[in-house]
Amino acid sequence: MNIFEGIDFNSMMFVGPIIVLIATMSAACLVYSIMFSWLPKQIFNFLLVGVALIGAYIWAIPMNMGFFEYFQNWGV
């Protein structure tokens, strides 16, 4: 018995945005580490979490503005 028989799930709708999320957060952390590598290690690591969250926020704004529709047609 397959309860999901009539459901068509396009996984590419989720793969593209997740790749962009990882790239955005990595780029934000890379810029932070280049600019603030002179900080003491404890302060650097504490602020790195905030920078990663800012990277996620930078990713979320275009997704809300219609960037997600760009990735909907990848799996077609």
C-alpha atoms as a PDB file:
ATOM      1  CA  MET A   1       0.000   0.000   0.000  1.00  0.00           C
ATOM      2  CA  ASN A   2       1.600   3.224  -1.191  1.00  0.00           C
ATOM      3  CA  ILE A   3      -0.103   6.264   0.334  1.00  0.00           C
ATOM      4  CA  PHE A   4       2.011   8.656  -1.771  1.00  0.00           C
ATOM      5  CA  GLU A   5       1.120   7.073  -5.103  1.00  0.00           C
ATOM      6  CA  GLY A   6      -0.480  10.124  -6.679  1.00  0.00           C
ATOM      7  CA  ILE A   7       2.001  12.673  -5.327  1.00  0.00           C
ATOM      8  CA  ASP A   8       4.701  13.976  -7.648  1.00  0.00           C
ATOM      9  CA  PHE A   9       7.657  15.255  -5.603  1.00  0.00           C
ATOM     10  CA  ASN A  10      10.223  17.338  -7.446  1.00  0.00           C
ATOM     11  CA  SER A  11      13.389  17.212  -5.330  1.00  0.00           C
ATOM     12  CA  MET A  12      15.221  19.787  -7.460  1.00  0.00           C
ATOM     13  CA  MET A  13      12.923  22.453  -6.021  1.00  0.00           C
ATOM     14  CA  PHE A  14      14.775  22.010  -2.739  1.00  0.00           C
ATOM     15  CA  VAL A  15      18.306  21.103  -3.839  1.00  0.00           C
ATOM     16  CA  GLY A  16      19.074  24.355  -5.683  1.00  0.00           C
ATOM     17  CA  PRO A  17      18.082  26.725  -2.877  1.00  0.00           C
ATOM     18  CA  ILE A  18      19.935  24.624  -0.279  1.00  0.00           C
ATOM     19  CA  ILE A  19      23.112  24.794  -2.384  1.00  0.00           C
ATOM     20  CA  VAL A  20      22.710  28.571  -2.633  1.00  0.00           C
ATOM     21  CA  LEU A  21      22.143  28.741   1.144  1.00  0.00           C
ATOM     22  CA  ILE A  22      25.357  26.849   1.853  1.00  0.00           C
ATOM     23  CA  ALA A  23      27.298  29.029  -0.589  1.00  0.00           C
ATOM     24  CA  THR A  24      25.890  32.253   0.880  1.00  0.00           C
ATOM     25  CA  MET A  25      26.658  31.286   4.457  1.00  0.00           C
ATOM     26  CA  SER A  26      30.142  30.096   3.484  1.00  0.00           C
ATOM     27  CA  ALA A  27      30.868  33.336   1.635  1.00  0.00           C
ATOM     28  CA  ALA A  28      29.730  35.430   4.596  1.00  0.00           C
ATOM     29  CA  CYS A  29      31.923  33.409   6.964  1.00  0.00           C
ATOM     30  CA  LEU A  30      34.869  33.611   4.572  1.00  0.00           C
ATOM     31  CA  VAL A  31      34.630  37.402   4.341  1.00  0.00           C
ATOM     32  CA  TYR A  32      34.338  37.595   8.141  1.00  0.00           C
ATOM     33  CA  SER A  33      37.343  35.347   8.689  1.00  0.00           C
ATOM     34  CA  ILE A  34      39.476  37.370   6.267  1.00  0.00           C
ATOM     35  CA  MET A  35      38.524  40.694   7.840  1.00  0.00           C
ATOM     36  CA  PHE A  36      38.534  39.749  11.514  1.00  0.00           C
ATOM     37  CA  SER A  37      41.178  37.055  11.878  1.00  0.00           C
ATOM     38  CA  TRP A  38      43.062  39.359  14.255  1.00  0.00           C
ATOM     39  CA  LEU A  39      40.409  38.938  16.985  1.00  0.00           C
ATOM     40  CA  PRO A  40      41.067  36.615  19.928  1.00  0.00           C
ATOM     41  CA  LYS A  41      39.853  33.087  19.224  1.00  0.00           C
ATOM     42  CA  GLN A  42      36.968  33.076  21.730  1.00  0.00           C
ATOM     43  CA  ILE A  43      35.500  36.342  20.459  1.00  0.00           C
ATOM     44  CA  PHE A  44      36.070  35.295  16.834  1.00  0.00           C
ATOM     45  CA  ASN A  45      34.192  32.004  17.299  1.00  0.00           C
ATOM     46  CA  PHE A  46      31.375  33.678  19.232  1.00  0.00           C
ATOM     47  CA  LEU A  47      30.772  36.246  16.483  1.00  0.00           C
ATOM     48  CA  LEU A  48      31.106  33.625  13.727  1.00  0.00           C
ATOM     49  CA  VAL A  49      27.707  32.190  14.679  1.00  0.00           C
ATOM     50  CA  GLY A  50      26.117  35.595  14.193  1.00  0.00           C
ATOM     51  CA  VAL A  51      27.789  36.001  10.814  1.00  0.00           C
ATOM     52  CA  ALA A  52      26.440  32.613   9.706  1.00  0.00           C
ATOM     53  CA  LEU A  53      22.948  33.706  10.747  1.00  0.00           C
ATOM     54  CA  ILE A  54      23.377  36.937   8.798  1.00  0.00           C
ATOM     55  CA  GLY A  55      24.346  34.816   5.781  1.00  0.00           C
ATOM     56  CA  ALA A  56      21.120  32.847   6.193  1.00  0.00           C
ATOM     57  CA  TYR A  57      19.193  36.128   6.388  1.00  0.00           C
ATOM     58  CA  ILE A  58      20.872  37.385   3.209  1.00  0.00           C
ATOM     59  CA  TRP A  59      19.730  34.152   1.522  1.00  0.00           C
ATOM     60  CA  ALA A  60      16.171  34.337   2.862  1.00  0.00           C
ATOM     61  CA  ILE A  61      15.315  37.793   1.511  1.00  0.00           C
ATOM     62  CA  PRO A  62      15.672  36.904  -2.228  1.00  0.00           C
ATOM     63  CA  MET A  63      13.886  33.589  -1.633  1.00  0.00           C
ATOM     64  CA  ASN A  64      10.902  35.532  -0.331  1.00  0.00           C
ATOM     65  CA  MET A  65      11.027  37.928  -3.297  1.00  0.00           C
ATOM     66  CA  GLY A  66      10.580  35.225  -5.966  1.00  0.00           C
ATOM     67  CA  PHE A  67      14.032  33.697  -6.333  1.00  0.00           C
ATOM     68  CA  PHE A  68      12.493  30.363  -5.332  1.00  0.00           C
ATOM     69  CA  GLU A  69      10.455  30.290  -8.558  1.00  0.00           C
ATOM     70  CA  TYR A  70      13.718  30.250 -10.499  1.00  0.00           C
ATOM     71  CA  PHE A  71      14.553  26.847  -9.039  1.00  0.00           C
ATOM     72  CA  GLN A  72      11.072  25.375  -9.576  1.00  0.00           C
ATOM     73  CA  ASN A  73      11.745  24.746 -13.273  1.00  0.00           C
ATOM     74  CA  TRP A  74      15.092  22.970 -12.827  1.00  0.00           C
ATOM     75  CA  GLY A  75      13.654  19.475 -12.516  1.00  0.00           C
ATOM     76  CA  VAL A  76      11.311  19.745 -15.497  1.00  0.00           C
END
